[in-house]
Amino acid sequence: MQKDTSDLTAAQRAELDALEALPDDQIDTSDIPESLDWSGAKRGLFYRPVKQQITLRLDADVVAWFKQQAPGGRGYQTDINRALRSHVEQAERQAAGP
């Protein structure tokens, strides 16, 4: 991912270029060791996708199924969103081809 570096000085740009040219095994990361245990990580803690409120007509049996699957009937809309997102991602992968 390219970042805007237009506000950097020539010296800062040169330092970044030198770091970028280093092989990974030559970069000292001892002050920031890699975390291998992600068991306490929480997905979506800081990122919240933009939601759009719409009126959508769905078959009653489909809505009932999602409500039945959700604990206490809560969160079924999130489950529907996940199912739709999964379908979109699969369709995009198929469209991209091999």
PDB file of N, CA and C in Angstrom:
ATOM      1  N   MET A   1       0.838  -1.173   0.000  1.00  0.00           N
ATOM      2  CA  MET A   1       0.000   0.000   0.000  1.00  0.00           C
ATOM      3  C   MET A   1       0.884   1.236   0.000  1.00  0.00           C
ATOM      4  N   GLN A   2       0.700   2.091  -0.959  1.00  0.00           N
ATOM      5  CA  GLN A   2       1.483   3.314  -1.075  1.00  0.00           C
ATOM      6  C   GLN A   2       0.870   4.406  -0.195  1.00  0.00           C
ATOM      7  N   LYS A   3       1.732   5.093   0.520  1.00  0.00           N
ATOM      8  CA  LYS A   3       1.294   6.218   1.333  1.00  0.00           C
ATOM      9  C   LYS A   3       1.798   7.502   0.699  1.00  0.00           C
ATOM     10  N   ASP A   4       1.105   8.594   0.983  1.00  0.00           N
ATOM     11  CA  ASP A   4       1.517   9.891   0.471  1.00  0.00           C
ATOM     12  C   ASP A   4       2.762  10.344   1.231  1.00  0.00           C
ATOM     13  N   THR A   5       3.871  10.482   0.517  1.00  0.00           N
ATOM     14  CA  THR A   5       5.124  10.908   1.142  1.00  0.00           C
ATOM     15  C   THR A   5       5.543  12.292   0.696  1.00  0.00           C
ATOM     16  N   SER A   6       4.626  13.053   0.125  1.00  0.00           N
ATOM     17  CA  SER A   6       4.972  14.366  -0.412  1.00  0.00           C
ATOM     18  C   SER A   6       5.414  15.358   0.659  1.00  0.00           C
ATOM     19  N   ASP A   7       5.021  15.139   1.913  1.00  0.00           N
ATOM     20  CA  ASP A   7       5.388  16.082   2.968  1.00  0.00           C
ATOM     21  C   ASP A   7       6.694  15.702   3.673  1.00  0.00           C
ATOM     22  N   LEU A   8       7.391  14.665   3.179  1.00  0.00           N
ATOM     23  CA  LEU A   8       8.660  14.255   3.784  1.00  0.00           C
ATOM     24  C   LEU A   8       9.812  15.050   3.176  1.00  0.00           C
ATOM     25  N   THR A   9      10.853  15.230   3.996  1.00  0.00           N
ATOM     26  CA  THR A   9      12.061  15.880   3.486  1.00  0.00           C
ATOM     27  C   THR A   9      12.829  14.875   2.629  1.00  0.00           C
ATOM     28  N   ALA A  10      13.801  15.365   1.897  1.00  0.00           N
ATOM     29  CA  ALA A  10      14.626  14.483   1.069  1.00  0.00           C
ATOM     30  C   ALA A  10      15.377  13.473   1.934  1.00  0.00           C
ATOM     31  N   ALA A  11      15.840  13.910   3.101  1.00  0.00           N
ATOM     32  CA  ALA A  11      16.566  13.007   4.008  1.00  0.00           C
ATOM     33  C   ALA A  11      15.644  11.907   4.535  1.00  0.00           C
ATOM     34  N   GLN A  12      14.422  12.275   4.890  1.00  0.00           N
ATOM     35  CA  GLN A  12      13.464  11.280   5.378  1.00  0.00           C
ATOM     36  C   GLN A  12      13.115  10.278   4.280  1.00  0.00           C
ATOM     37  N   ARG A  13      12.935  10.786   3.071  1.00  0.00           N
ATOM     38  CA  ARG A  13      12.624   9.904   1.937  1.00  0.00           C
ATOM     39  C   ARG A  13      13.774   8.935   1.677  1.00  0.00           C
ATOM     40  N   ALA A  14      15.005   9.434   1.748  1.00  0.00           N
ATOM     41  CA  ALA A  14      16.186   8.593   1.531  1.00  0.00           C
ATOM     42  C   ALA A  14      16.285   7.515   2.606  1.00  0.00           C
ATOM     43  N   GLU A  15      15.989   7.875   3.862  1.00  0.00           N
ATOM     44  CA  GLU A  15      16.026   6.896   4.955  1.00  0.00           C
ATOM     45  C   GLU A  15      14.979   5.802   4.745  1.00  0.00           C
ATOM     46  N   LEU A  16      13.783   6.198   4.337  1.00  0.00           N
ATOM     47  CA  LEU A  16      12.741   5.214   4.071  1.00  0.00           C
ATOM     48  C   LEU A  16      13.103   4.306   2.895  1.00  0.00           C
ATOM     49  N   ASP A  17      13.687   4.879   1.862  1.00  0.00           N
ATOM     50  CA  ASP A  17      14.104   4.086   0.706  1.00  0.00           C
ATOM     51  C   ASP A  17      15.167   3.066   1.102  1.00  0.00           C
ATOM     52  N   ALA A  18      16.096   3.483   1.964  1.00  0.00           N
ATOM     53  CA  ALA A  18      17.147   2.572   2.429  1.00  0.00           C
ATOM     54  C   ALA A  18      16.548   1.434   3.250  1.00  0.00           C
ATOM     55  N   LEU A  19      15.594   1.747   4.100  1.00  0.00           N
ATOM     56  CA  LEU A  19      14.928   0.708   4.897  1.00  0.00           C
ATOM     57  C   LEU A  19      14.142  -0.251   4.002  1.00  0.00           C
ATOM     58  N   GLU A  20      13.494   0.303   3.005  1.00  0.00           N
ATOM     59  CA  GLU A  20      12.700  -0.528   2.101  1.00  0.00           C
ATOM     60  C   GLU A  20      13.588  -1.495   1.315  1.00  0.00           C
ATOM     61  N   ALA A  21      14.809  -1.094   1.034  1.00  0.00           N
ATOM     62  CA  ALA A  21      15.721  -1.933   0.257  1.00  0.00           C
ATOM     63  C   ALA A  21      16.316  -3.070   1.083  1.00  0.00           C
ATOM     64  N   LEU A  22      16.261  -2.972   2.412  1.00  0.00           N
ATOM     65  CA  LEU A  22      16.832  -4.025   3.265  1.00  0.00           C
ATOM     66  C   LEU A  22      16.020  -5.310   3.168  1.00  0.00           C
ATOM     67  N   PRO A  23      16.705  -6.465   3.127  1.00  0.00           N
ATOM     68  CA  PRO A  23      15.975  -7.735   3.221  1.00  0.00           C
ATOM     69  C   PRO A  23      15.358  -7.866   4.613  1.00  0.00           C
ATOM     70  N   ASP A  24      14.265  -8.587   4.721  1.00  0.00           N
ATOM     71  CA  ASP A  24      13.557  -8.709   6.004  1.00  0.00           C
ATOM     72  C   ASP A  24      14.451  -9.225   7.122  1.00  0.00           C
ATOM     73  N   ASP A  25      15.351 -10.171   6.811  1.00  0.00           N
ATOM     74  CA  ASP A  25      16.170 -10.756   7.872  1.00  0.00           C
ATOM     75  C   ASP A  25      17.240  -9.790   8.400  1.00  0.00           C
ATOM     76  N   GLN A  26      17.426  -8.654   7.759  1.00  0.00           N
ATOM     77  CA  GLN A  26      18.399  -7.667   8.227  1.00  0.00           C
ATOM     78  C   GLN A  26      17.748  -6.517   8.992  1.00  0.00           C
ATOM     79  N   ILE A  27      16.452  -6.561   9.144  1.00  0.00           N
ATOM     80  CA  ILE A  27      15.752  -5.509   9.876  1.00  0.00           C
ATOM     81  C   ILE A  27      15.651  -5.919  11.339  1.00  0.00           C
ATOM     82  N   ASP A  28      16.141  -5.062  12.232  1.00  0.00           N
ATOM     83  CA  ASP A  28      16.132  -5.353  13.662  1.00  0.00           C
ATOM     84  C   ASP A  28      14.750  -5.035  14.241  1.00  0.00           C
ATOM     85  N   THR A  29      14.037  -6.073  14.625  1.00  0.00           N
ATOM     86  CA  THR A  29      12.717  -5.892  15.238  1.00  0.00           C
ATOM     87  C   THR A  29      12.713  -6.350  16.690  1.00  0.00           C
ATOM     88  N   SER A  30      13.888  -6.389  17.319  1.00  0.00           N
ATOM     89  CA  SER A  30      13.977  -6.888  18.697  1.00  0.00           C
ATOM     90  C   SER A  30      13.191  -6.025  19.680  1.00  0.00           C
ATOM     91  N   ASP A  31      13.017  -4.746  19.361  1.00  0.00           N
ATOM     92  CA  ASP A  31      12.261  -3.881  20.264  1.00  0.00           C
ATOM     93  C   ASP A  31      10.750  -4.027  20.063  1.00  0.00           C
ATOM     94  N   ILE A  32      10.345  -4.731  19.011  1.00  0.00           N
ATOM     95  CA  ILE A  32       8.929  -4.996  18.763  1.00  0.00           C
ATOM     96  C   ILE A  32       8.761  -6.451  18.318  1.00  0.00           C
ATOM     97  N   PRO A  33       8.937  -7.388  19.246  1.00  0.00           N
ATOM     98  CA  PRO A  33       8.867  -8.800  18.865  1.00  0.00           C
ATOM     99  C   PRO A  33       7.494  -9.164  18.309  1.00  0.00           C
ATOM    100  N   GLU A  34       7.503 -10.134  17.407  1.00  0.00           N
ATOM    101  CA  GLU A  34       6.265 -10.582  16.781  1.00  0.00           C
ATOM    102  C   GLU A  34       5.380 -11.261  17.816  1.00  0.00           C
ATOM    103  N   SER A  35       4.111 -10.950  17.784  1.00  0.00           N
ATOM    104  CA  SER A  35       3.148 -11.588  18.674  1.00  0.00           C
ATOM    105  C   SER A  35       2.596 -12.828  17.994  1.00  0.00           C
ATOM    106  N   LEU A  36       2.779 -13.978  18.627  1.00  0.00           N
ATOM    107  CA  LEU A  36       2.298 -15.229  18.056  1.00  0.00           C
ATOM    108  C   LEU A  36       0.987 -15.675  18.697  1.00  0.00           C
ATOM    109  N   ASP A  37       0.658 -15.093  19.843  1.00  0.00           N
ATOM    110  CA  ASP A  37      -0.573 -15.473  20.549  1.00  0.00           C
ATOM    111  C   ASP A  37      -1.638 -14.405  20.327  1.00  0.00           C
ATOM    112  N   TRP A  38      -2.616 -14.699  19.479  1.00  0.00           N
ATOM    113  CA  TRP A  38      -3.689 -13.769  19.172  1.00  0.00           C
ATOM    114  C   TRP A  38      -4.998 -14.197  19.832  1.00  0.00           C
ATOM    115  N   SER A  39      -4.908 -15.059  20.859  1.00  0.00           N
ATOM    116  CA  SER A  39      -6.124 -15.589  21.482  1.00  0.00           C
ATOM    117  C   SER A  39      -6.973 -14.497  22.140  1.00  0.00           C
ATOM    118  N   GLY A  40      -6.352 -13.416  22.575  1.00  0.00           N
ATOM    119  CA  GLY A  40      -7.109 -12.344  23.213  1.00  0.00           C
ATOM    120  C   GLY A  40      -7.523 -11.235  22.260  1.00  0.00           C
ATOM    121  N   ALA A  41      -7.208 -11.412  20.978  1.00  0.00           N
ATOM    122  CA  ALA A  41      -7.525 -10.371  20.000  1.00  0.00           C
ATOM    123  C   ALA A  41      -9.031 -10.274  19.780  1.00  0.00           C
ATOM    124  N   LYS A  42      -9.491  -9.079  19.507  1.00  0.00           N
ATOM    125  CA  LYS A  42     -10.909  -8.858  19.240  1.00  0.00           C
ATOM    126  C   LYS A  42     -11.054  -8.272  17.853  1.00  0.00           C
ATOM    127  N   ARG A  43     -11.794  -8.963  17.000  1.00  0.00           N
ATOM    128  CA  ARG A  43     -12.000  -8.521  15.623  1.00  0.00           C
ATOM    129  C   ARG A  43     -12.952  -7.323  15.609  1.00  0.00           C
ATOM    130  N   GLY A  44     -12.608  -6.339  14.809  1.00  0.00           N
ATOM    131  CA  GLY A  44     -13.483  -5.190  14.611  1.00  0.00           C
ATOM    132  C   GLY A  44     -13.534  -4.222  15.775  1.00  0.00           C
ATOM    133  N   LEU A  45     -12.569  -4.291  16.679  1.00  0.00           N
ATOM    134  CA  LEU A  45     -12.584  -3.415  17.849  1.00  0.00           C
ATOM    135  C   LEU A  45     -12.458  -1.940  17.452  1.00  0.00           C
ATOM    136  N   PHE A  46     -11.634  -1.651  16.456  1.00  0.00           N
ATOM    137  CA  PHE A  46     -11.405  -0.267  16.054  1.00  0.00           C
ATOM    138  C   PHE A  46     -12.027   0.073  14.711  1.00  0.00           C
ATOM    139  N   TYR A  47     -12.275  -0.945  13.900  1.00  0.00           N
ATOM    140  CA  TYR A  47     -12.843  -0.698  12.573  1.00  0.00           C
ATOM    141  C   TYR A  47     -14.327  -1.006  12.578  1.00  0.00           C
ATOM    142  N   ARG A  48     -15.101  -0.080  12.146  1.00  0.00           N
ATOM    143  CA  ARG A  48     -16.534  -0.289  11.999  1.00  0.00           C
ATOM    144  C   ARG A  48     -16.914   0.086  10.574  1.00  0.00           C
ATOM    145  N   PRO A  49     -17.369  -0.888   9.789  1.00  0.00           N
ATOM    146  CA  PRO A  49     -17.755  -0.554   8.420  1.00  0.00           C
ATOM    147  C   PRO A  49     -18.967   0.368   8.415  1.00  0.00           C
ATOM    148  N   VAL A  50     -19.043   1.168   7.392  1.00  0.00           N
ATOM    149  CA  VAL A  50     -20.171   2.076   7.244  1.00  0.00           C
ATOM    150  C   VAL A  50     -21.403   1.243   6.909  1.00  0.00           C
ATOM    151  N   LYS A  51     -22.453   1.420   7.670  1.00  0.00           N
ATOM    152  CA  LYS A  51     -23.705   0.697   7.445  1.00  0.00           C
ATOM    153  C   LYS A  51     -24.697   1.631   6.762  1.00  0.00           C
ATOM    154  N   GLN A  52     -25.528   1.045   5.950  1.00  0.00           N
ATOM    155  CA  GLN A  52     -26.568   1.817   5.277  1.00  0.00           C
ATOM    156  C   GLN A  52     -27.909   1.188   5.625  1.00  0.00           C
ATOM    157  N   GLN A  53     -28.786   1.988   6.191  1.00  0.00           N
ATOM    158  CA  GLN A  53     -30.105   1.487   6.541  1.00  0.00           C
ATOM    159  C   GLN A  53     -30.974   1.460   5.292  1.00  0.00           C
ATOM    160  N   ILE A  54     -31.572   0.301   5.040  1.00  0.00           N
ATOM    161  CA  ILE A  54     -32.439   0.148   3.879  1.00  0.00           C
ATOM    162  C   ILE A  54     -33.670  -0.659   4.287  1.00  0.00           C
ATOM    163  N   THR A  55     -34.666  -0.630   3.448  1.00  0.00           N
ATOM    164  CA  THR A  55     -35.808  -1.523   3.604  1.00  0.00           C
ATOM    165  C   THR A  55     -35.608  -2.633   2.592  1.00  0.00           C
ATOM    166  N   LEU A  56     -35.671  -3.856   3.076  1.00  0.00           N
ATOM    167  CA  LEU A  56     -35.379  -5.006   2.231  1.00  0.00           C
ATOM    168  C   LEU A  56     -36.430  -6.074   2.480  1.00  0.00           C
ATOM    169  N   ARG A  57     -37.034  -6.559   1.433  1.00  0.00           N
ATOM    170  CA  ARG A  57     -38.025  -7.619   1.573  1.00  0.00           C
ATOM    171  C   ARG A  57     -37.354  -8.960   1.382  1.00  0.00           C
ATOM    172  N   LEU A  58     -37.427  -9.782   2.426  1.00  0.00           N
ATOM    173  CA  LEU A  58     -36.867 -11.126   2.389  1.00  0.00           C
ATOM    174  C   LEU A  58     -37.991 -12.123   2.636  1.00  0.00           C
ATOM    175  N   ASP A  59     -37.827 -13.326   2.122  1.00  0.00           N
ATOM    176  CA  ASP A  59     -38.826 -14.371   2.379  1.00  0.00           C
ATOM    177  C   ASP A  59     -38.893 -14.636   3.873  1.00  0.00           C
ATOM    178  N   ALA A  60     -40.112 -14.794   4.379  1.00  0.00           N
ATOM    179  CA  ALA A  60     -40.338 -14.980   5.814  1.00  0.00           C
ATOM    180  C   ALA A  60     -39.592 -16.197   6.351  1.00  0.00           C
ATOM    181  N   ASP A  61     -39.536 -17.276   5.570  1.00  0.00           N
ATOM    182  CA  ASP A  61     -38.855 -18.476   6.055  1.00  0.00           C
ATOM    183  C   ASP A  61     -37.348 -18.264   6.167  1.00  0.00           C
ATOM    184  N   VAL A  62     -36.779 -17.420   5.299  1.00  0.00           N
ATOM    185  CA  VAL A  62     -35.345 -17.119   5.370  1.00  0.00           C
ATOM    186  C   VAL A  62     -35.058 -16.318   6.643  1.00  0.00           C
ATOM    187  N   VAL A  63     -35.864 -15.307   6.904  1.00  0.00           N
ATOM    188  CA  VAL A  63     -35.685 -14.499   8.117  1.00  0.00           C
ATOM    189  C   VAL A  63     -35.869 -15.372   9.356  1.00  0.00           C
ATOM    190  N   ALA A  64     -36.885 -16.221   9.342  1.00  0.00           N
ATOM    191  CA  ALA A  64     -37.139 -17.111  10.481  1.00  0.00           C
ATOM    192  C   ALA A  64     -35.954 -18.033  10.728  1.00  0.00           C
ATOM    193  N   TRP A  65     -35.352 -18.537   9.646  1.00  0.00           N
ATOM    194  CA  TRP A  65     -34.200 -19.430   9.804  1.00  0.00           C
ATOM    195  C   TRP A  65     -33.036 -18.699  10.464  1.00  0.00           C
ATOM    196  N   PHE A  66     -32.733 -17.486   9.996  1.00  0.00           N
ATOM    197  CA  PHE A  66     -31.636 -16.721  10.586  1.00  0.00           C
ATOM    198  C   PHE A  66     -31.921 -16.382  12.051  1.00  0.00           C
ATOM    199  N   LYS A  67     -33.174 -16.027  12.365  1.00  0.00           N
ATOM    200  CA  LYS A  67     -33.525 -15.734  13.758  1.00  0.00           C
ATOM    201  C   LYS A  67     -33.379 -16.969  14.634  1.00  0.00           C
ATOM    202  N   GLN A  68     -33.747 -18.113  14.085  1.00  0.00           N
ATOM    203  CA  GLN A  68     -33.660 -19.368  14.835  1.00  0.00           C
ATOM    204  C   GLN A  68     -32.194 -19.738  15.110  1.00  0.00           C
ATOM    205  N   GLN A  69     -31.310 -19.418  14.175  1.00  0.00           N
ATOM    206  CA  GLN A  69     -29.896 -19.752  14.333  1.00  0.00           C
ATOM    207  C   GLN A  69     -29.195 -18.826  15.331  1.00  0.00           C
ATOM    208  N   ALA A  70     -29.687 -17.615  15.466  1.00  0.00           N
ATOM    209  CA  ALA A  70     -29.047 -16.622  16.335  1.00  0.00           C
ATOM    210  C   ALA A  70     -29.416 -16.882  17.789  1.00  0.00           C
ATOM    211  N   PRO A  71     -28.432 -16.765  18.694  1.00  0.00           N
ATOM    212  CA  PRO A  71     -28.721 -16.983  20.117  1.00  0.00           C
ATOM    213  C   PRO A  71     -29.734 -15.970  20.636  1.00  0.00           C
ATOM    214  N   GLY A  72     -30.857 -16.447  21.108  1.00  0.00           N
ATOM    215  CA  GLY A  72     -31.899 -15.564  21.629  1.00  0.00           C
ATOM    216  C   GLY A  72     -32.552 -14.726  20.549  1.00  0.00           C
ATOM    217  N   GLY A  73     -32.336 -15.084  19.284  1.00  0.00           N
ATOM    218  CA  GLY A  73     -32.917 -14.317  18.184  1.00  0.00           C
ATOM    219  C   GLY A  73     -32.236 -12.987  17.947  1.00  0.00           C
ATOM    220  N   ARG A  74     -31.117 -12.761  18.653  1.00  0.00           N
ATOM    221  CA  ARG A  74     -30.410 -11.483  18.523  1.00  0.00           C
ATOM    222  C   ARG A  74     -29.201 -11.665  17.615  1.00  0.00           C
ATOM    223  N   GLY A  75     -28.933 -10.684  16.779  1.00  0.00           N
ATOM    224  CA  GLY A  75     -27.778 -10.730  15.900  1.00  0.00           C
ATOM    225  C   GLY A  75     -28.064 -11.365  14.561  1.00  0.00           C
ATOM    226  N   TYR A  76     -29.327 -11.648  14.285  1.00  0.00           N
ATOM    227  CA  TYR A  76     -29.640 -12.314  13.016  1.00  0.00           C
ATOM    228  C   TYR A  76     -29.365 -11.413  11.815  1.00  0.00           C
ATOM    229  N   GLN A  77     -29.508 -10.111  11.983  1.00  0.00           N
ATOM    230  CA  GLN A  77     -29.220  -9.204  10.868  1.00  0.00           C
ATOM    231  C   GLN A  77     -27.725  -9.218  10.536  1.00  0.00           C
ATOM    232  N   THR A  78     -26.888  -9.313  11.557  1.00  0.00           N
ATOM    233  CA  THR A  78     -25.451  -9.432  11.343  1.00  0.00           C
ATOM    234  C   THR A  78     -25.141 -10.723  10.604  1.00  0.00           C
ATOM    235  N   ASP A  79     -25.828 -11.801  10.973  1.00  0.00           N
ATOM    236  CA  ASP A  79     -25.626 -13.085  10.299  1.00  0.00           C
ATOM    237  C   ASP A  79     -26.041 -13.001   8.824  1.00  0.00           C
ATOM    238  N   ILE A  80     -27.138 -12.316   8.550  1.00  0.00           N
ATOM    239  CA  ILE A  80     -27.576 -12.130   7.159  1.00  0.00           C
ATOM    240  C   ILE A  80     -26.525 -11.332   6.398  1.00  0.00           C
ATOM    241  N   ASN A  81     -25.992 -10.277   7.031  1.00  0.00           N
ATOM    242  CA  ASN A  81     -24.960  -9.457   6.402  1.00  0.00           C
ATOM    243  C   ASN A  81     -23.725 -10.300   6.095  1.00  0.00           C
ATOM    244  N   ARG A  82     -23.321 -11.168   7.048  1.00  0.00           N
ATOM    245  CA  ARG A  82     -22.154 -12.032   6.824  1.00  0.00           C
ATOM    246  C   ARG A  82     -22.391 -12.988   5.662  1.00  0.00           C
ATOM    247  N   ALA A  83     -23.601 -13.542   5.578  1.00  0.00           N
ATOM    248  CA  ALA A  83     -23.921 -14.458   4.480  1.00  0.00           C
ATOM    249  C   ALA A  83     -23.867 -13.730   3.136  1.00  0.00           C
ATOM    250  N   LEU A  84     -24.394 -12.523   3.103  1.00  0.00           N
ATOM    251  CA  LEU A  84     -24.350 -11.739   1.872  1.00  0.00           C
ATOM    252  C   LEU A  84     -22.912 -11.366   1.505  1.00  0.00           C
ATOM    253  N   ARG A  85     -22.120 -10.982   2.501  1.00  0.00           N
ATOM    254  CA  ARG A  85     -20.722 -10.632   2.247  1.00  0.00           C
ATOM    255  C   ARG A  85     -19.961 -11.839   1.718  1.00  0.00           C
ATOM    256  N   SER A  86     -20.192 -12.996   2.301  1.00  0.00           N
ATOM    257  CA  SER A  86     -19.541 -14.219   1.843  1.00  0.00           C
ATOM    258  C   SER A  86     -19.898 -14.494   0.382  1.00  0.00           C
ATOM    259  N   HIS A  87     -21.156 -14.314   0.037  1.00  0.00           N
ATOM    260  CA  HIS A  87     -21.592 -14.516  -1.347  1.00  0.00           C
ATOM    261  C   HIS A  87     -20.902 -13.522  -2.287  1.00  0.00           C
ATOM    262  N   VAL A  88     -20.822 -12.271  -1.880  1.00  0.00           N
ATOM    263  CA  VAL A  88     -20.182 -11.246  -2.705  1.00  0.00           C
ATOM    264  C   VAL A  88     -18.707 -11.588  -2.915  1.00  0.00           C
ATOM    265  N   GLU A  89     -18.009 -11.972  -1.846  1.00  0.00           N
ATOM    266  CA  GLU A  89     -16.588 -12.304  -1.957  1.00  0.00           C
ATOM    267  C   GLU A  89     -16.377 -13.508  -2.873  1.00  0.00           C
ATOM    268  N   GLN A  90     -17.247 -14.507  -2.752  1.00  0.00           N
ATOM    269  CA  GLN A  90     -17.144 -15.685  -3.620  1.00  0.00           C
ATOM    270  C   GLN A  90     -17.386 -15.306  -5.074  1.00  0.00           C
ATOM    271  N   ALA A  91     -18.375 -14.462  -5.325  1.00  0.00           N
ATOM    272  CA  ALA A  91     -18.679 -14.029  -6.695  1.00  0.00           C
ATOM    273  C   ALA A  91     -17.514 -13.221  -7.269  1.00  0.00           C
ATOM    274  N   GLU A  92     -16.870 -12.396  -6.432  1.00  0.00           N
ATOM    275  CA  GLU A  92     -15.730 -11.611  -6.900  1.00  0.00           C
ATOM    276  C   GLU A  92     -14.547 -12.511  -7.233  1.00  0.00           C
ATOM    277  N   ARG A  93     -14.314 -13.560  -6.412  1.00  0.00           N
ATOM    278  CA  ARG A  93     -13.232 -14.493  -6.700  1.00  0.00           C
ATOM    279  C   ARG A  93     -13.477 -15.224  -8.007  1.00  0.00           C
ATOM    280  N   GLN A  94     -14.732 -15.626  -8.235  1.00  0.00           N
ATOM    281  CA  GLN A  94     -15.062 -16.326  -9.476  1.00  0.00           C
ATOM    282  C   GLN A  94     -14.918 -15.397 -10.685  1.00  0.00           C
ATOM    283  N   ALA A  95     -15.299 -14.143 -10.505  1.00  0.00           N
ATOM    284  CA  ALA A  95     -15.190 -13.185 -11.596  1.00  0.00           C
ATOM    285  C   ALA A  95     -13.734 -12.880 -11.937  1.00  0.00           C
ATOM    286  N   ALA A  96     -12.871 -12.897 -10.910  1.00  0.00           N
ATOM    287  CA  ALA A  96     -11.455 -12.624 -11.138  1.00  0.00           C
ATOM    288  C   ALA A  96     -10.796 -13.751 -11.922  1.00  0.00           C
ATOM    289  N   GLY A  97     -11.325 -14.956 -11.750  1.00  0.00           N
ATOM    290  CA  GLY A  97     -10.801 -16.101 -12.500  1.00  0.00           C
ATOM    291  C   GLY A  97      -9.456 -16.570 -11.999  1.00  0.00           C
ATOM    292  N   PRO A  98      -8.909 -17.561 -12.690  1.00  0.00           N
ATOM    293  CA  PRO A  98      -7.616 -18.145 -12.259  1.00  0.00           C
ATOM    294  C   PRO A  98      -6.445 -17.243 -12.523  1.00  0.00           C
TER     295      PRO A  98
END
